[in-house]
Protein backbone atom coordinates (compact mmCIF):
# COMPACT_ATOMS: atom_id res chain seq x y z
CA MET A 1 -1.25 7.67 -23.85
CA LEU A 2 0.84 5.02 -25.66
CA SER A 3 3.41 4.96 -22.86
CA ALA A 4 0.62 4.54 -20.28
CA VAL A 5 -0.81 1.56 -22.18
CA LEU A 6 2.67 0.05 -22.54
CA SER A 7 3.37 0.38 -18.82
CA ALA A 8 0.04 -1.29 -18.04
CA LEU A 9 0.95 -4.23 -20.31
CA LEU A 10 4.37 -4.50 -18.67
CA PHE A 11 2.69 -4.56 -15.25
CA VAL A 12 0.41 -7.46 -16.25
CA ALA A 13 3.26 -9.35 -17.91
CA ALA A 14 5.47 -9.03 -14.84
CA LEU A 15 2.76 -10.47 -12.61
CA GLN A 16 2.24 -13.40 -14.96
CA GLN A 17 5.91 -14.32 -14.61
CA ALA A 18 5.57 -15.15 -10.91
CA ALA A 19 6.12 -18.89 -10.45
CA PRO A 20 3.48 -20.52 -8.21
CA ILE A 21 4.63 -22.52 -5.22
CA SER A 22 3.76 -26.21 -5.59
CA ALA A 23 1.55 -27.84 -3.00
CA GLY A 24 3.54 -29.85 -0.52
CA ASP A 25 6.66 -27.70 -0.86
CA PRO A 26 7.67 -26.73 2.70
CA ALA A 27 11.03 -25.40 1.48
CA ALA A 28 9.24 -22.77 -0.62
CA ALA A 29 7.03 -21.87 2.31
CA ALA A 30 10.08 -21.51 4.55
CA SER A 31 11.78 -19.31 1.97
CA ALA A 32 8.76 -17.00 1.70
CA VAL A 33 8.46 -16.60 5.45
CA SER A 34 12.20 -16.09 5.86
CA ALA A 35 12.16 -13.30 3.28
CA ALA A 36 9.33 -11.43 4.99
CA GLU A 37 10.10 -12.04 8.64
CA PRO A 38 12.72 -9.28 9.16
CA GLU A 39 10.31 -6.70 7.76
CA LEU A 40 7.43 -7.85 9.92
CA ARG A 41 9.10 -7.96 13.32
CA ASN A 42 7.29 -5.94 15.92
CA ASP A 43 10.50 -4.48 17.24
CA ALA A 44 11.05 -0.77 16.60
CA GLU A 45 14.63 -0.79 17.88
CA GLU A 46 15.72 -3.65 15.64
CA ALA A 47 13.88 -2.10 12.67
CA GLY A 48 15.80 1.11 13.22
CA GLY A 49 12.93 3.22 14.49
CA THR A 50 13.02 5.50 11.43
CA CYS A 51 10.92 5.93 8.31
CA GLU A 52 13.87 6.09 5.93
CA TYR A 53 13.85 2.30 5.58
CA PRO A 54 10.62 1.25 7.29
CA SER A 55 9.60 -2.32 7.97
CA TRP A 56 6.19 -3.44 6.74
CA ARG A 57 4.79 -2.87 10.19
CA GLN A 58 6.17 0.67 10.29
CA ARG A 59 4.94 1.71 6.86
CA PRO A 60 1.39 2.71 7.91
CA ARG A 61 2.69 4.88 10.75
CA CYS A 62 5.25 6.50 8.48
CA ALA A 63 2.64 7.20 5.80
CA ILE A 64 0.29 8.72 8.38
CA ASP A 65 3.13 10.88 9.68
CA ASP A 66 3.78 12.07 6.11
CA ALA A 67 0.11 13.01 5.73
CA LEU A 68 0.14 14.84 9.05
CA ALA A 69 3.23 16.76 7.92
CA MET A 70 1.45 17.78 4.72
CA GLU A 71 -1.54 18.96 6.73
CA ALA A 72 0.77 20.95 9.00
CA GLU A 73 2.29 22.62 5.93
CA ALA A 74 -1.18 23.66 4.79
CA VAL A 75 -1.87 25.14 8.20
CA ARG A 76 1.51 26.88 8.26
CA THR A 77 0.86 28.53 4.90
CA ASP A 78 -2.72 29.41 5.89
CA VAL A 79 -4.31 27.18 3.22
CA ALA A 80 -7.85 25.96 3.86
CA CYS A 81 -8.34 23.07 1.46
CA GLU A 82 -12.13 23.34 1.60
CA GLU A 83 -11.82 26.82 0.11
CA ALA A 84 -8.65 26.54 -1.99
CA MET A 85 -8.79 28.89 -4.97
CA THR A 86 -5.23 29.60 -6.09
CA GLN A 87 -3.25 27.01 -8.03
CA VAL A 88 -0.56 26.93 -5.36
CA ALA A 89 -3.18 26.13 -2.72
CA MET A 90 -4.87 23.49 -4.89
CA ASN A 91 -1.50 21.84 -5.57
CA LEU A 92 -0.81 21.61 -1.85
CA CYS A 93 -4.28 20.29 -1.09
CA SER A 94 -3.93 17.63 -3.78
CA ALA A 95 -0.71 16.53 -2.10
CA VAL A 96 -2.51 16.34 1.25
CA ASN A 97 -5.30 14.23 -0.25
CA MET A 98 -2.80 11.94 -1.95
CA ALA A 99 -0.88 11.51 1.31
CA TRP A 100 -4.01 10.28 3.07
CA GLU A 101 -4.85 7.94 0.19
CA ARG A 102 -1.34 6.51 0.52
CA ALA A 103 -1.72 6.12 4.27
CA ARG A 104 -4.99 4.23 3.86
CA MET A 105 -3.39 1.93 1.30
CA GLU A 106 -0.44 1.23 3.61
CA VAL A 107 -2.82 0.34 6.44
CA HIS A 108 -4.55 -2.21 4.23
CA LEU A 109 -1.27 -3.51 2.78
CA GLU A 110 0.20 -4.11 6.24
CA ALA A 111 -2.93 -5.97 7.32
CA ALA A 112 -2.89 -8.14 4.19
CA THR A 113 0.84 -8.86 4.55
CA ARG A 114 0.46 -9.86 8.18
CA SER A 115 -2.45 -12.17 7.34
CA ALA A 116 -0.35 -13.83 4.64
CA PHE A 117 2.61 -14.10 6.99
CA ASP A 118 0.49 -15.78 9.69
CA ALA A 119 -0.94 -18.23 7.15
CA ALA A 120 2.56 -19.11 5.93
CA ARG A 121 3.66 -19.67 9.53
CA ASN A 122 0.78 -22.10 10.02
CA GLU A 123 1.88 -23.98 6.91
CA LEU A 124 5.37 -24.40 8.34
CA ASP A 125 3.96 -25.66 11.63
CA LEU A 126 1.84 -28.22 9.81
CA ALA A 127 4.78 -29.36 7.70
CA ALA A 128 7.01 -29.66 10.79
CA ASN A 129 4.46 -31.99 12.36
CA GLY A 130 4.09 -34.19 9.30
CA GLY A 131 0.92 -32.54 8.08
CA PRO A 132 0.12 -31.61 4.48
CA ALA A 133 1.62 -28.40 3.11
CA HIS A 134 -0.93 -26.28 1.26
CA PRO A 135 1.07 -23.16 0.41
CA TYR A 136 -1.79 -20.67 0.10
CA GLY A 137 -0.24 -18.34 2.65
CA SER A 138 3.26 -18.60 1.22
CA GLN A 139 2.03 -18.02 -2.32
CA PHE A 140 -0.11 -15.12 -1.13
CA LEU A 141 2.88 -13.62 0.67
CA VAL A 142 5.20 -13.92 -2.34
CA ASP A 143 2.60 -12.59 -4.77
CA LEU A 144 1.55 -9.72 -2.52
CA ARG A 145 5.11 -8.50 -2.07
CA GLU A 146 5.92 -8.81 -5.78
CA SER A 147 2.67 -7.24 -6.98
CA GLN A 148 3.20 -4.23 -4.72
CA LYS A 149 6.66 -3.62 -6.19
CA GLN A 150 5.26 -3.91 -9.71
CA TRP A 151 2.36 -1.62 -8.81
CA GLU A 152 4.71 1.11 -7.54
CA THR A 153 6.58 1.07 -10.87
CA TYR A 154 3.34 1.02 -12.84
CA VAL A 155 1.90 4.06 -11.02
CA ASP A 156 5.08 6.10 -11.38
CA ARG A 157 5.16 5.44 -15.13
CA VAL A 158 1.48 6.09 -15.76
CA CYS A 159 1.32 9.28 -13.71
CA GLY A 160 4.66 10.45 -15.06
CA SER A 161 3.38 10.06 -18.62
CA PHE A 162 0.12 11.78 -17.73
CA GLY A 163 1.91 14.64 -15.99
CA ALA A 164 4.12 15.21 -19.02
CA GLU A 165 1.08 16.54 -20.84
CA PHE A 166 1.13 19.52 -18.43
CA LEU A 167 4.91 20.05 -18.40
CA GLY A 168 5.77 23.64 -17.57
CA GLY A 169 2.28 24.47 -16.31
CA SER A 170 1.46 25.38 -12.73
CA ILE A 171 -1.30 22.76 -12.78
CA GLN A 172 1.12 19.86 -13.35
CA PRO A 173 1.74 18.99 -9.66
CA MET A 174 -1.99 18.80 -8.97
CA MET A 175 -2.66 16.59 -11.98
CA VAL A 176 0.14 14.20 -11.03
CA GLU A 177 -1.04 14.01 -7.41
CA GLU A 178 -4.61 13.35 -8.53
CA CYS A 179 -3.38 10.57 -10.82
CA HIS A 180 -1.47 8.99 -7.93
CA GLY A 181 -4.48 9.41 -5.66
CA ASP A 182 -6.88 7.72 -8.09
CA LEU A 183 -4.59 4.75 -8.71
CA THR A 184 -3.76 4.42 -5.01
CA ARG A 185 -7.48 4.30 -4.20
CA GLN A 186 -7.87 1.52 -6.78
CA ARG A 187 -4.99 -0.40 -5.21
CA THR A 188 -6.54 -0.05 -1.75
CA LEU A 189 -9.84 -1.41 -3.07
CA VAL A 190 -8.03 -4.40 -4.60
CA LEU A 191 -6.30 -5.11 -1.28
CA TRP A 192 -9.57 -4.79 0.61
CA ARG A 193 -11.61 -6.91 -1.78
CA TYR A 194 -9.18 -9.70 -2.62
CA SER A 195 -6.81 -9.80 0.35
CA LEU A 196 -8.80 -8.68 3.39
CA SER A 197 -12.58 -8.78 3.02
CA GLY A 198 -12.62 -12.58 3.24
CA LEU A 199 -10.35 -12.66 6.29
CA GLU A 200 -11.32 -12.16 9.90
CA GLY A 201 -11.16 -8.46 10.73
CA GLY A 202 -10.74 -7.37 7.14
CA SER A 203 -14.28 -6.06 6.83
CA GLU A 204 -13.95 -3.70 9.80
CA TRP A 205 -13.18 -0.86 7.40
CA PRO A 206 -15.66 0.23 4.71
CA ALA A 207 -15.01 -0.58 1.08
CA PRO A 208 -12.49 2.07 -0.07
CA ASN A 209 -14.28 2.84 -3.32
CA ALA A 210 -14.46 6.58 -2.62
CA PRO A 211 -11.88 9.20 -1.59
CA VAL A 212 -10.65 8.71 1.95
CA SER A 213 -13.25 10.15 4.30
CA PRO A 214 -12.72 12.51 7.26
CA ALA A 215 -13.86 9.69 9.55
CA GLU A 216 -11.21 7.32 8.15
CA ILE A 217 -8.57 10.02 8.55
CA GLU A 218 -9.54 10.53 12.19
CA THR A 219 -9.37 6.76 12.75
CA MET A 220 -5.87 6.65 11.29
CA LYS A 221 -4.77 9.64 13.33
CA ALA A 222 -6.12 8.11 16.52
CA GLY A 223 -4.96 4.55 16.01
CA ARG A 224 -1.94 4.71 13.70
CA THR A 225 -2.21 0.94 13.46
CA ASN A 226 -3.70 -1.60 11.07
CA PRO A 227 -7.41 -2.45 11.28
CA ALA A 228 -6.94 -6.22 11.38
CA SER A 229 -4.49 -6.41 14.28
């Protein structure tokens, strides 16, 4: 419990260290866009076409593919998650559920990142034409990228500490996956509420304040794209 609290404090402290971009600073806006642009190119060949090192645009598709692979494993081992009774089956089903939570988060993260990228681009265009530079998009882009990195570390530490309580038990994988799933759902809700719901297209998906629904899963399977594009 102490290590979980400590990791949470470290997470907050790291976010507070981010230096805001001053208004009227086109160089900072250019730097933010330059840092993100290679990851956001809609060019599968240039991005490598693999999920080992995915671009931001590729991450939702890769996460969905991971979830589909987990589902296929359940089918291969004849596990019906609606009726899972053994610990082995419940562990696998928890991994499937977590994979879909991750996929939903990646869909929202890609949409938020693209919105920030577009806003930063507009700032550069204004600055190039002598207009005022209001670096909302650039700041949003920098903060979004940094907060996601810090969040990944935070979740690994919290769920690792929580899972240690079940070390050596067959239930440990399920408990760790459920921890990851809960925190991933919270992250998706934060992205939806503070990064997307106020932007055009962001409200097309329901508020992710419940486990990912079968309807959302079918939408991801069918589209394998972000909801705001």
